[in-house]
Amino acid sequence: MSKFLDLFVAFCAAATSIIYPIFWIVWEILYAPIRSVLALAGLVAFTCAWISEMIGDIWKYVNGIFQLAAASDARVSTCEVSMWRSLWNDLFSQVGRHPIIPDCILITSMQL
C-alpha cells in the first residue's frame, strides 16, 4: 500500500509541476483574444455613454435657452417695423443725392 501511495504522490507532483503550467499557458493563449474583445467592448460602451451624456447636456442647455426666449415674449410690432423701414429708406435715399467730393478738396480743407 505504501508503494501505491508513493506512486500516487509522485504522479500528483508531476501533474502539478509539468501538466499544470502547460495547461495554464494554453488557457492564457486561448483566453487572450476573448479578454481583448471584452476590453474593447467596455471601451466602446464607455465612449457611447460619454457621448450620450454630452448630447443630453447640450440638449438641456439649448432647450433652456429656447424656453427662455419663448417665455420672454419679445415680438416686434408692425408699427416698429414700418418705422425702422422708413428710417432705412430715408437714409439710403439721401446717399444718391449728395455729390461726390473730390479727395483733393477734402485734403486741402483739412490742412487749413
PDB file of N, CA and C in Angstrom:
ATOM      1  N   MET A   1       0.813  -1.179   0.000  1.00  0.00           N
ATOM      2  CA  MET A   1       0.000   0.000   0.000  1.00  0.00           C
ATOM      3  C   MET A   1       0.861   1.248   0.000  1.00  0.00           C
ATOM      4  N   SER A   2       1.972   1.175   0.626  1.00  0.00           N
ATOM      5  CA  SER A   2       2.860   2.308   0.696  1.00  0.00           C
ATOM      6  C   SER A   2       3.434   2.649  -0.674  1.00  0.00           C
ATOM      7  N   LYS A   3       3.713   1.618  -1.482  1.00  0.00           N
ATOM      8  CA  LYS A   3       4.254   1.882  -2.813  1.00  0.00           C
ATOM      9  C   LYS A   3       3.198   2.569  -3.686  1.00  0.00           C
ATOM     10  N   PHE A   4       1.961   2.153  -3.526  1.00  0.00           N
ATOM     11  CA  PHE A   4       0.890   2.793  -4.294  1.00  0.00           C
ATOM     12  C   PHE A   4       0.724   4.258  -3.900  1.00  0.00           C
ATOM     13  N   LEU A   5       0.819   4.548  -2.610  1.00  0.00           N
ATOM     14  CA  LEU A   5       0.719   5.909  -2.139  1.00  0.00           C
ATOM     15  C   LEU A   5       1.891   6.746  -2.626  1.00  0.00           C
ATOM     16  N   ASP A   6       3.097   6.162  -2.616  1.00  0.00           N
ATOM     17  CA  ASP A   6       4.266   6.883  -3.125  1.00  0.00           C
ATOM     18  C   ASP A   6       4.128   7.161  -4.622  1.00  0.00           C
ATOM     19  N   LEU A   7       3.613   6.190  -5.347  1.00  0.00           N
ATOM     20  CA  LEU A   7       3.423   6.369  -6.789  1.00  0.00           C
ATOM     21  C   LEU A   7       2.370   7.449  -7.066  1.00  0.00           C
ATOM     22  N   PHE A   8       1.314   7.447  -6.281  1.00  0.00           N
ATOM     23  CA  PHE A   8       0.270   8.470  -6.443  1.00  0.00           C
ATOM     24  C   PHE A   8       0.800   9.864  -6.129  1.00  0.00           C
ATOM     25  N   VAL A   9       1.594  10.004  -5.089  1.00  0.00           N
ATOM     26  CA  VAL A   9       2.182  11.288  -4.728  1.00  0.00           C
ATOM     27  C   VAL A   9       3.137  11.755  -5.817  1.00  0.00           C
ATOM     28  N   ALA A  10       3.914  10.837  -6.373  1.00  0.00           N
ATOM     29  CA  ALA A  10       4.836  11.199  -7.454  1.00  0.00           C
ATOM     30  C   ALA A  10       4.063  11.642  -8.694  1.00  0.00           C
ATOM     31  N   PHE A  11       2.968  10.972  -8.994  1.00  0.00           N
ATOM     32  CA  PHE A  11       2.146  11.343 -10.139  1.00  0.00           C
ATOM     33  C   PHE A  11       1.527  12.728  -9.925  1.00  0.00           C
ATOM     34  N   CYS A  12       1.045  12.987  -8.730  1.00  0.00           N
ATOM     35  CA  CYS A  12       0.456  14.304  -8.439  1.00  0.00           C
ATOM     36  C   CYS A  12       1.501  15.399  -8.509  1.00  0.00           C
ATOM     37  N   ALA A  13       2.684  15.122  -8.054  1.00  0.00           N
ATOM     38  CA  ALA A  13       3.758  16.102  -8.125  1.00  0.00           C
ATOM     39  C   ALA A  13       4.121  16.382  -9.573  1.00  0.00           C
ATOM     40  N   ALA A  14       4.175  15.350 -10.406  1.00  0.00           N
ATOM     41  CA  ALA A  14       4.473  15.540 -11.823  1.00  0.00           C
ATOM     42  C   ALA A  14       3.340  16.310 -12.499  1.00  0.00           C
ATOM     43  N   ALA A  15       2.130  16.019 -12.111  1.00  0.00           N
ATOM     44  CA  ALA A  15       0.986  16.697 -12.726  1.00  0.00           C
ATOM     45  C   ALA A  15       0.974  18.177 -12.370  1.00  0.00           C
ATOM     46  N   THR A  16       1.267  18.497 -11.145  1.00  0.00           N
ATOM     47  CA  THR A  16       1.236  19.901 -10.749  1.00  0.00           C
ATOM     48  C   THR A  16       2.449  20.669 -11.232  1.00  0.00           C
ATOM     49  N   SER A  17       3.573  20.021 -11.413  1.00  0.00           N
ATOM     50  CA  SER A  17       4.768  20.762 -11.823  1.00  0.00           C
ATOM     51  C   SER A  17       4.975  20.766 -13.331  1.00  0.00           C
ATOM     52  N   ILE A  18       4.379  19.849 -14.057  1.00  0.00           N
ATOM     53  CA  ILE A  18       4.594  19.782 -15.515  1.00  0.00           C
ATOM     54  C   ILE A  18       3.295  20.076 -16.271  1.00  0.00           C
ATOM     55  N   ILE A  19       2.236  19.382 -15.942  1.00  0.00           N
ATOM     56  CA  ILE A  19       0.993  19.493 -16.711  1.00  0.00           C
ATOM     57  C   ILE A  19       0.272  20.812 -16.438  1.00  0.00           C
ATOM     58  N   TYR A  20       0.239  21.236 -15.190  1.00  0.00           N
ATOM     59  CA  TYR A  20      -0.481  22.481 -14.854  1.00  0.00           C
ATOM     60  C   TYR A  20       0.111  23.700 -15.565  1.00  0.00           C
ATOM     61  N   PRO A  21       1.444  23.927 -15.600  1.00  0.00           N
ATOM     62  CA  PRO A  21       1.951  25.077 -16.355  1.00  0.00           C
ATOM     63  C   PRO A  21       1.627  25.021 -17.848  1.00  0.00           C
ATOM     64  N   ILE A  22       1.654  23.818 -18.418  1.00  0.00           N
ATOM     65  CA  ILE A  22       1.302  23.694 -19.845  1.00  0.00           C
ATOM     66  C   ILE A  22      -0.172  24.051 -20.036  1.00  0.00           C
ATOM     67  N   PHE A  23      -1.040  23.534 -19.169  1.00  0.00           N
ATOM     68  CA  PHE A  23      -2.456  23.864 -19.237  1.00  0.00           C
ATOM     69  C   PHE A  23      -2.678  25.366 -19.054  1.00  0.00           C
ATOM     70  N   TRP A  24      -1.952  25.985 -18.139  1.00  0.00           N
ATOM     71  CA  TRP A  24      -2.091  27.413 -17.868  1.00  0.00           C
ATOM     72  C   TRP A  24      -1.683  28.241 -19.087  1.00  0.00           C
ATOM     73  N   ILE A  25      -0.579  27.869 -19.756  1.00  0.00           N
ATOM     74  CA  ILE A  25      -0.127  28.599 -20.959  1.00  0.00           C
ATOM     75  C   ILE A  25      -1.161  28.481 -22.070  1.00  0.00           C
ATOM     76  N   VAL A  26      -1.680  27.263 -22.300  1.00  0.00           N
ATOM     77  CA  VAL A  26      -2.687  27.075 -23.345  1.00  0.00           C
ATOM     78  C   VAL A  26      -3.947  27.883 -23.016  1.00  0.00           C
ATOM     79  N   TRP A  27      -4.357  27.886 -21.768  1.00  0.00           N
ATOM     80  CA  TRP A  27      -5.527  28.639 -21.347  1.00  0.00           C
ATOM     81  C   TRP A  27      -5.350  30.139 -21.597  1.00  0.00           C
ATOM     82  N   GLU A  28      -4.203  30.677 -21.253  1.00  0.00           N
ATOM     83  CA  GLU A  28      -3.943  32.114 -21.471  1.00  0.00           C
ATOM     84  C   GLU A  28      -3.907  32.456 -22.949  1.00  0.00           C
ATOM     85  N   ILE A  29      -3.344  31.571 -23.755  1.00  0.00           N
ATOM     86  CA  ILE A  29      -3.308  31.817 -25.210  1.00  0.00           C
ATOM     87  C   ILE A  29      -4.726  31.836 -25.782  1.00  0.00           C
ATOM     88  N   LEU A  30      -5.575  30.935 -25.315  1.00  0.00           N
ATOM     89  CA  LEU A  30      -6.946  30.893 -25.821  1.00  0.00           C
ATOM     90  C   LEU A  30      -7.812  32.015 -25.254  1.00  0.00           C
ATOM     91  N   TYR A  31      -7.530  32.446 -24.042  1.00  0.00           N
ATOM     92  CA  TYR A  31      -8.368  33.441 -23.383  1.00  0.00           C
ATOM     93  C   TYR A  31      -7.965  34.883 -23.722  1.00  0.00           C
ATOM     94  N   ALA A  32      -6.750  35.106 -24.210  1.00  0.00           N
ATOM     95  CA  ALA A  32      -6.273  36.463 -24.515  1.00  0.00           C
ATOM     96  C   ALA A  32      -7.150  37.181 -25.547  1.00  0.00           C
ATOM     97  N   PRO A  33      -7.532  36.550 -26.672  1.00  0.00           N
ATOM     98  CA  PRO A  33      -8.411  37.269 -27.612  1.00  0.00           C
ATOM     99  C   PRO A  33      -9.783  37.607 -27.009  1.00  0.00           C
ATOM    100  N   ILE A  34     -10.308  36.712 -26.188  1.00  0.00           N
ATOM    101  CA  ILE A  34     -11.598  36.977 -25.550  1.00  0.00           C
ATOM    102  C   ILE A  34     -11.467  38.167 -24.601  1.00  0.00           C
ATOM    103  N   ARG A  35     -10.377  38.209 -23.848  1.00  0.00           N
ATOM    104  CA  ARG A  35     -10.136  39.324 -22.929  1.00  0.00           C
ATOM    105  C   ARG A  35      -9.995  40.638 -23.707  1.00  0.00           C
ATOM    106  N   SER A  36      -9.328  40.591 -24.867  1.00  0.00           N
ATOM    107  CA  SER A  36      -9.168  41.801 -25.688  1.00  0.00           C
ATOM    108  C   SER A  36     -10.510  42.287 -26.230  1.00  0.00           C
ATOM    109  N   VAL A  37     -11.346  41.370 -26.679  1.00  0.00           N
ATOM    110  CA  VAL A  37     -12.670  41.742 -27.189  1.00  0.00           C
ATOM    111  C   VAL A  37     -13.520  42.344 -26.069  1.00  0.00           C
ATOM    112  N   LEU A  38     -13.462  41.771 -24.887  1.00  0.00           N
ATOM    113  CA  LEU A  38     -14.233  42.312 -23.767  1.00  0.00           C
ATOM    114  C   LEU A  38     -13.737  43.698 -23.367  1.00  0.00           C
ATOM    115  N   ALA A  39     -12.419  43.908 -23.406  1.00  0.00           N
ATOM    116  CA  ALA A  39     -11.881  45.235 -23.083  1.00  0.00           C
ATOM    117  C   ALA A  39     -12.309  46.259 -24.129  1.00  0.00           C
ATOM    118  N   LEU A  40     -12.275  45.873 -25.404  1.00  0.00           N
ATOM    119  CA  LEU A  40     -12.703  46.779 -26.471  1.00  0.00           C
ATOM    120  C   LEU A  40     -14.195  47.094 -26.352  1.00  0.00           C
ATOM    121  N   ALA A  41     -14.999  46.097 -26.005  1.00  0.00           N
ATOM    122  CA  ALA A  41     -16.434  46.324 -25.821  1.00  0.00           C
ATOM    123  C   ALA A  41     -16.684  47.281 -24.651  1.00  0.00           C
ATOM    124  N   GLY A  42     -15.902  47.140 -23.592  1.00  0.00           N
ATOM    125  CA  GLY A  42     -16.038  48.065 -22.465  1.00  0.00           C
ATOM    126  C   GLY A  42     -15.674  49.487 -22.856  1.00  0.00           C
ATOM    127  N   LEU A  43     -14.622  49.641 -23.668  1.00  0.00           N
ATOM    128  CA  LEU A  43     -14.224  50.969 -24.137  1.00  0.00           C
ATOM    129  C   LEU A  43     -15.301  51.588 -25.021  1.00  0.00           C
ATOM    130  N   VAL A  44     -15.880  50.788 -25.913  1.00  0.00           N
ATOM    131  CA  VAL A  44     -16.946  51.287 -26.792  1.00  0.00           C
ATOM    132  C   VAL A  44     -18.167  51.693 -25.958  1.00  0.00           C
ATOM    133  N   ALA A  45     -18.519  50.891 -24.956  1.00  0.00           N
ATOM    134  CA  ALA A  45     -19.661  51.223 -24.106  1.00  0.00           C
ATOM    135  C   ALA A  45     -19.404  52.512 -23.327  1.00  0.00           C
ATOM    136  N   PHE A  46     -18.194  52.676 -22.809  1.00  0.00           N
ATOM    137  CA  PHE A  46     -17.853  53.897 -22.081  1.00  0.00           C
ATOM    138  C   PHE A  46     -17.924  55.113 -22.993  1.00  0.00           C
ATOM    139  N   THR A  47     -17.398  54.989 -24.212  1.00  0.00           N
ATOM    140  CA  THR A  47     -17.410  56.104 -25.160  1.00  0.00           C
ATOM    141  C   THR A  47     -18.842  56.466 -25.556  1.00  0.00           C
ATOM    142  N   CYS A  48     -19.669  55.469 -25.810  1.00  0.00           N
ATOM    143  CA  CYS A  48     -21.063  55.751 -26.173  1.00  0.00           C
ATOM    144  C   CYS A  48     -21.813  56.417 -25.025  1.00  0.00           C
ATOM    145  N   ALA A  49     -21.559  55.964 -23.813  1.00  0.00           N
ATOM    146  CA  ALA A  49     -22.217  56.576 -22.658  1.00  0.00           C
ATOM    147  C   ALA A  49     -21.772  58.020 -22.488  1.00  0.00           C
ATOM    148  N   TRP A  50     -20.488  58.285 -22.712  1.00  0.00           N
ATOM    149  CA  TRP A  50     -19.977  59.654 -22.585  1.00  0.00           C
ATOM    150  C   TRP A  50     -20.588  60.558 -23.648  1.00  0.00           C
ATOM    151  N   ILE A  51     -20.657  60.076 -24.888  1.00  0.00           N
ATOM    152  CA  ILE A  51     -21.240  60.873 -25.976  1.00  0.00           C
ATOM    153  C   ILE A  51     -22.722  61.121 -25.706  1.00  0.00           C
ATOM    154  N   SER A  52     -23.425  60.104 -25.248  1.00  0.00           N
ATOM    155  CA  SER A  52     -24.847  60.262 -24.945  1.00  0.00           C
ATOM    156  C   SER A  52     -25.066  61.290 -23.837  1.00  0.00           C
ATOM    157  N   GLU A  53     -24.244  61.237 -22.815  1.00  0.00           N
ATOM    158  CA  GLU A  53     -24.365  62.206 -21.725  1.00  0.00           C
ATOM    159  C   GLU A  53     -24.054  63.626 -22.203  1.00  0.00           C
ATOM    160  N   MET A  54     -23.055  63.765 -23.081  1.00  0.00           N
ATOM    161  CA  MET A  54     -22.692  65.074 -23.616  1.00  0.00           C
ATOM    162  C   MET A  54     -23.833  65.642 -24.471  1.00  0.00           C
ATOM    163  N   ILE A  55     -24.425  64.812 -25.301  1.00  0.00           N
ATOM    164  CA  ILE A  55     -25.547  65.273 -26.128  1.00  0.00           C
ATOM    165  C   ILE A  55     -26.730  65.662 -25.247  1.00  0.00           C
ATOM    166  N   GLY A  56     -26.977  64.896 -24.187  1.00  0.00           N
ATOM    167  CA  GLY A  56     -28.053  65.239 -23.263  1.00  0.00           C
ATOM    168  C   GLY A  56     -27.817  66.574 -22.576  1.00  0.00           C
ATOM    169  N   ASP A  57     -26.566  66.836 -22.168  1.00  0.00           N
ATOM    170  CA  ASP A  57     -26.246  68.117 -21.531  1.00  0.00           C
ATOM    171  C   ASP A  57     -26.429  69.279 -22.501  1.00  0.00           C
ATOM    172  N   ILE A  58     -25.988  69.091 -23.737  1.00  0.00           N
ATOM    173  CA  ILE A  58     -26.150  70.147 -24.750  1.00  0.00           C
ATOM    174  C   ILE A  58     -27.635  70.389 -25.014  1.00  0.00           C
ATOM    175  N   TRP A  59     -28.407  69.305 -25.084  1.00  0.00           N
ATOM    176  CA  TRP A  59     -29.843  69.443 -25.329  1.00  0.00           C
ATOM    177  C   TRP A  59     -30.518  70.206 -24.191  1.00  0.00           C
ATOM    178  N   LYS A  60     -30.151  69.908 -22.947  1.00  0.00           N
ATOM    179  CA  LYS A  60     -30.736  70.625 -21.812  1.00  0.00           C
ATOM    180  C   LYS A  60     -30.390  72.108 -21.874  1.00  0.00           C
ATOM    181  N   TYR A  61     -29.141  72.431 -22.236  1.00  0.00           N
ATOM    182  CA  TYR A  61     -28.711  73.830 -22.322  1.00  0.00           C
ATOM    183  C   TYR A  61     -29.479  74.573 -23.409  1.00  0.00           C
ATOM    184  N   VAL A  62     -29.551  73.982 -24.601  1.00  0.00           N
ATOM    185  CA  VAL A  62     -30.237  74.633 -25.722  1.00  0.00           C
ATOM    186  C   VAL A  62     -31.739  74.724 -25.440  1.00  0.00           C
ATOM    187  N   ASN A  63     -32.294  73.688 -24.839  1.00  0.00           N
ATOM    188  CA  ASN A  63     -33.709  73.714 -24.512  1.00  0.00           C
ATOM    189  C   ASN A  63     -34.022  74.834 -23.515  1.00  0.00           C
ATOM    190  N   GLY A  64     -33.137  75.041 -22.552  1.00  0.00           N
ATOM    191  CA  GLY A  64     -33.323  76.134 -21.597  1.00  0.00           C
ATOM    192  C   GLY A  64     -33.299  77.491 -22.279  1.00  0.00           C
ATOM    193  N   ILE A  65     -32.391  77.646 -23.249  1.00  0.00           N
ATOM    194  CA  ILE A  65     -32.325  78.920 -23.987  1.00  0.00           C
ATOM    195  C   ILE A  65     -33.608  79.135 -24.781  1.00  0.00           C
ATOM    196  N   PHE A  66     -34.110  78.075 -25.439  1.00  0.00           N
ATOM    197  CA  PHE A  66     -35.337  78.214 -26.216  1.00  0.00           C
ATOM    198  C   PHE A  66     -36.535  78.507 -25.317  1.00  0.00           C
ATOM    199  N   GLN A  67     -36.578  77.890 -24.150  1.00  0.00           N
ATOM    200  CA  GLN A  67     -37.691  78.167 -23.236  1.00  0.00           C
ATOM    201  C   GLN A  67     -37.624  79.595 -22.718  1.00  0.00           C
ATOM    202  N   LEU A  68     -36.409  80.085 -22.467  1.00  0.00           N
ATOM    203  CA  LEU A  68     -36.259  81.472 -22.027  1.00  0.00           C
ATOM    204  C   LEU A  68     -36.699  82.434 -23.119  1.00  0.00           C
ATOM    205  N   ALA A  69     -36.321  82.144 -24.361  1.00  0.00           N
ATOM    206  CA  ALA A  69     -36.720  83.006 -25.471  1.00  0.00           C
ATOM    207  C   ALA A  69     -38.230  82.972 -25.683  1.00  0.00           C
ATOM    208  N   ALA A  70     -38.828  81.815 -25.512  1.00  0.00           N
ATOM    209  CA  ALA A  70     -40.279  81.717 -25.688  1.00  0.00           C
ATOM    210  C   ALA A  70     -41.007  82.420 -24.545  1.00  0.00           C
ATOM    211  N   ALA A  71     -40.448  82.365 -23.356  1.00  0.00           N
ATOM    212  CA  ALA A  71     -41.095  82.991 -22.202  1.00  0.00           C
ATOM    213  C   ALA A  71     -40.939  84.507 -22.204  1.00  0.00           C
ATOM    214  N   SER A  72     -39.912  85.019 -22.881  1.00  0.00           N
ATOM    215  CA  SER A  72     -39.681  86.464 -22.863  1.00  0.00           C
ATOM    216  C   SER A  72     -40.717  87.216 -23.687  1.00  0.00           C
ATOM    217  N   ASP A  73     -41.329  86.541 -24.650  1.00  0.00           N
ATOM    218  CA  ASP A  73     -42.389  87.132 -25.473  1.00  0.00           C
ATOM    219  C   ASP A  73     -41.921  88.440 -26.110  1.00  0.00           C
ATOM    220  N   ALA A  74     -40.739  88.415 -26.722  1.00  0.00           N
ATOM    221  CA  ALA A  74     -40.187  89.603 -27.376  1.00  0.00           C
ATOM    222  C   ALA A  74     -40.599  89.591 -28.847  1.00  0.00           C
ATOM    223  N   ARG A  75     -41.703  90.250 -29.127  1.00  0.00           N
ATOM    224  CA  ARG A  75     -42.179  90.332 -30.504  1.00  0.00           C
ATOM    225  C   ARG A  75     -42.131  91.796 -30.943  1.00  0.00           C
ATOM    226  N   VAL A  76     -41.872  91.991 -32.212  1.00  0.00           N
ATOM    227  CA  VAL A  76     -41.800  93.336 -32.767  1.00  0.00           C
ATOM    228  C   VAL A  76     -43.145  93.663 -33.376  1.00  0.00           C
ATOM    229  N   SER A  77     -43.682  94.809 -33.006  1.00  0.00           N
ATOM    230  CA  SER A  77     -44.982  95.205 -33.554  1.00  0.00           C
ATOM    231  C   SER A  77     -44.805  95.738 -34.972  1.00  0.00           C
ATOM    232  N   THR A  78     -45.898  95.792 -35.700  1.00  0.00           N
ATOM    233  CA  THR A  78     -45.837  96.255 -37.094  1.00  0.00           C
ATOM    234  C   THR A  78     -45.502  97.736 -37.164  1.00  0.00           C
ATOM    235  N   CYS A  79     -45.853  98.485 -36.121  1.00  0.00           N
ATOM    236  CA  CYS A  79     -45.542  99.909 -36.084  1.00  0.00           C
ATOM    237  C   CYS A  79     -44.029 100.118 -36.037  1.00  0.00           C
ATOM    238  N   GLU A  80     -43.350  99.319 -35.202  1.00  0.00           N
ATOM    239  CA  GLU A  80     -41.893  99.443 -35.102  1.00  0.00           C
ATOM    240  C   GLU A  80     -41.216  99.042 -36.398  1.00  0.00           C
ATOM    241  N   VAL A  81     -41.729  98.004 -37.054  1.00  0.00           N
ATOM    242  CA  VAL A  81     -41.147  97.554 -38.315  1.00  0.00           C
ATOM    243  C   VAL A  81     -41.264  98.643 -39.360  1.00  0.00           C
ATOM    244  N   SER A  82     -42.415  99.271 -39.488  1.00  0.00           N
ATOM    245  CA  SER A  82     -42.588 100.303 -40.502  1.00  0.00           C
ATOM    246  C   SER A  82     -41.728 101.527 -40.181  1.00  0.00           C
ATOM    247  N   MET A  83     -41.541 101.835 -38.878  1.00  0.00           N
ATOM    248  CA  MET A  83     -40.689 102.965 -38.508  1.00  0.00           C
ATOM    249  C   MET A  83     -39.239 102.701 -38.924  1.00  0.00           C
ATOM    250  N   TRP A  84     -38.727 101.516 -38.604  1.00  0.00           N
ATOM    251  CA  TRP A  84     -37.345 101.194 -38.988  1.00  0.00           C
ATOM    252  C   TRP A  84     -37.196 101.134 -40.507  1.00  0.00           C
ATOM    253  N   ARG A  85     -38.205 100.624 -41.193  1.00  0.00           N
ATOM    254  CA  ARG A  85     -38.127 100.562 -42.655  1.00  0.00           C
ATOM    255  C   ARG A  85     -38.094 101.953 -43.259  1.00  0.00           C
ATOM    256  N   SER A  86     -38.876 102.874 -42.708  1.00  0.00           N
ATOM    257  CA  SER A  86     -38.884 104.243 -43.253  1.00  0.00           C
ATOM    258  C   SER A  86     -37.553 104.945 -42.963  1.00  0.00           C
ATOM    259  N   LEU A  87     -36.976 104.727 -41.760  1.00  0.00           N
ATOM    260  CA  LEU A  87     -35.658 105.310 -41.475  1.00  0.00           C
ATOM    261  C   LEU A  87     -34.596 104.761 -42.411  1.00  0.00           C
ATOM    262  N   TRP A  88     -34.633 103.468 -42.657  1.00  0.00           N
ATOM    263  CA  TRP A  88     -33.672 102.822 -43.561  1.00  0.00           C
ATOM    264  C   TRP A  88     -33.810 103.389 -44.970  1.00  0.00           C
ATOM    265  N   ASN A  89     -35.037 103.496 -45.443  1.00  0.00           N
ATOM    266  CA  ASN A  89     -35.261 104.029 -46.783  1.00  0.00           C
ATOM    267  C   ASN A  89     -34.835 105.494 -46.875  1.00  0.00           C
ATOM    268  N   ASP A  90     -35.084 106.298 -45.844  1.00  0.00           N
ATOM    269  CA  ASP A  90     -34.658 107.699 -45.851  1.00  0.00           C
ATOM    270  C   ASP A  90     -33.139 107.811 -45.896  1.00  0.00           C
ATOM    271  N   LEU A  91     -32.474 106.971 -45.151  1.00  0.00           N
ATOM    272  CA  LEU A  91     -31.008 107.019 -45.127  1.00  0.00           C
ATOM    273  C   LEU A  91     -30.426 106.737 -46.507  1.00  0.00           C
ATOM    274  N   PHE A  92     -30.891 105.678 -47.138  1.00  0.00           N
ATOM    275  CA  PHE A  92     -30.314 105.325 -48.428  1.00  0.00           C
ATOM    276  C   PHE A  92     -30.879 106.138 -49.576  1.00  0.00           C
ATOM    277  N   SER A  93     -31.965 106.835 -49.374  1.00  0.00           N
ATOM    278  CA  SER A  93     -32.425 107.736 -50.441  1.00  0.00           C
ATOM    279  C   SER A  93     -31.548 108.990 -50.472  1.00  0.00           C
ATOM    280  N   GLN A  94     -30.941 109.353 -49.338  1.00  0.00           N
ATOM    281  CA  GLN A  94     -30.080 110.530 -49.272  1.00  0.00           C
ATOM    282  C   GLN A  94     -28.678 110.251 -49.818  1.00  0.00           C
ATOM    283  N   VAL A  95     -28.284 109.000 -49.867  1.00  0.00           N
ATOM    284  CA  VAL A  95     -26.924 108.669 -50.312  1.00  0.00           C
ATOM    285  C   VAL A  95     -26.720 109.056 -51.765  1.00  0.00           C
ATOM    286  N   GLY A  96     -27.675 108.805 -52.618  1.00  0.00           N
ATOM    287  CA  GLY A  96     -27.514 109.101 -54.041  1.00  0.00           C
ATOM    288  C   GLY A  96     -27.669 110.574 -54.378  1.00  0.00           C
ATOM    289  N   ARG A  97     -28.194 111.409 -53.508  1.00  0.00           N
ATOM    290  CA  ARG A  97     -28.457 112.821 -53.801  1.00  0.00           C
ATOM    291  C   ARG A  97     -27.247 113.715 -53.601  1.00  0.00           C
ATOM    292  N   HIS A  98     -26.329 113.349 -52.740  1.00  0.00           N
ATOM    293  CA  HIS A  98     -25.179 114.208 -52.468  1.00  0.00           C
ATOM    294  C   HIS A  98     -24.097 113.983 -53.513  1.00  0.00           C
ATOM    295  N   PRO A  99     -23.497 115.083 -53.977  1.00  0.00           N
ATOM    296  CA  PRO A  99     -22.419 114.915 -54.959  1.00  0.00           C
ATOM    297  C   PRO A  99     -21.171 114.359 -54.273  1.00  0.00           C
ATOM    298  N   ILE A 100     -20.366 113.670 -55.046  1.00  0.00           N
ATOM    299  CA  ILE A 100     -19.126 113.117 -54.517  1.00  0.00           C
ATOM    300  C   ILE A 100     -18.083 114.219 -54.480  1.00  0.00           C
ATOM    301  N   ILE A 101     -17.489 114.432 -53.308  1.00  0.00           N
ATOM    302  CA  ILE A 101     -16.491 115.483 -53.145  1.00  0.00           C
ATOM    303  C   ILE A 101     -15.128 114.898 -53.497  1.00  0.00           C
ATOM    304  N   PRO A 102     -14.384 115.552 -54.383  1.00  0.00           N
ATOM    305  CA  PRO A 102     -13.054 115.026 -54.740  1.00  0.00           C
ATOM    306  C   PRO A 102     -12.130 114.996 -53.526  1.00  0.00           C
ATOM    307  N   ASP A 103     -11.190 114.105 -53.551  1.00  0.00           N
ATOM    308  CA  ASP A 103     -10.253 113.929 -52.437  1.00  0.00           C
ATOM    309  C   ASP A 103      -9.358 115.149 -52.250  1.00  0.00           C
ATOM    310  N   CYS A 104      -9.008 115.831 -53.340  1.00  0.00           N
ATOM    311  CA  CYS A 104      -8.099 116.969 -53.202  1.00  0.00           C
ATOM    312  C   CYS A 104      -8.747 118.101 -52.409  1.00  0.00           C
ATOM    313  N   ILE A 105     -10.061 118.258 -52.526  1.00  0.00           N
ATOM    314  CA  ILE A 105     -10.747 119.300 -51.763  1.00  0.00           C
ATOM    315  C   ILE A 105     -10.765 118.930 -50.283  1.00  0.00           C
ATOM    316  N   LEU A 106     -10.993 117.668 -49.981  1.00  0.00           N
ATOM    317  CA  LEU A 106     -11.003 117.221 -48.582  1.00  0.00           C
ATOM    318  C   LEU A 106      -9.623 117.405 -47.952  1.00  0.00           C
ATOM    319  N   ILE A 107      -8.593 117.103 -48.697  1.00  0.00           N
ATOM    320  CA  ILE A 107      -7.216 117.213 -48.151  1.00  0.00           C
ATOM    321  C   ILE A 107      -6.858 118.672 -47.890  1.00  0.00           C
ATOM    322  N   THR A 108      -7.206 119.570 -48.829  1.00  0.00           N
ATOM    323  CA  THR A 108      -6.878 120.985 -48.629  1.00  0.00           C
ATOM    324  C   THR A 108      -7.701 121.589 -47.511  1.00  0.00           C
ATOM    325  N   SER A 109      -8.934 121.162 -47.355  1.00  0.00           N
ATOM    326  CA  SER A 109      -9.745 121.725 -46.270  1.00  0.00           C
ATOM    327  C   SER A 109      -9.281 121.217 -44.918  1.00  0.00           C
ATOM    328  N   MET A 110      -8.717 120.021 -44.868  1.00  0.00           N
ATOM    329  CA  MET A 110      -8.207 119.506 -43.600  1.00  0.00           C
ATOM    330  C   MET A 110      -6.913 120.181 -43.194  1.00  0.00           C
ATOM    331  N   GLN A 111      -6.146 120.685 -44.144  1.00  0.00           N
ATOM    332  CA  GLN A 111      -4.878 121.317 -43.830  1.00  0.00           C
ATOM    333  C   GLN A 111      -5.068 122.749 -43.292  1.00  0.00           C
ATOM    334  N   LEU A 112      -6.218 123.308 -43.521  1.00  0.00           N
ATOM    335  CA  LEU A 112      -6.452 124.677 -43.060  1.00  0.00           C
ATOM    336  C   LEU A 112      -6.553 124.691 -41.601  1.00  0.00           C
TER     337      LEU A 112
END
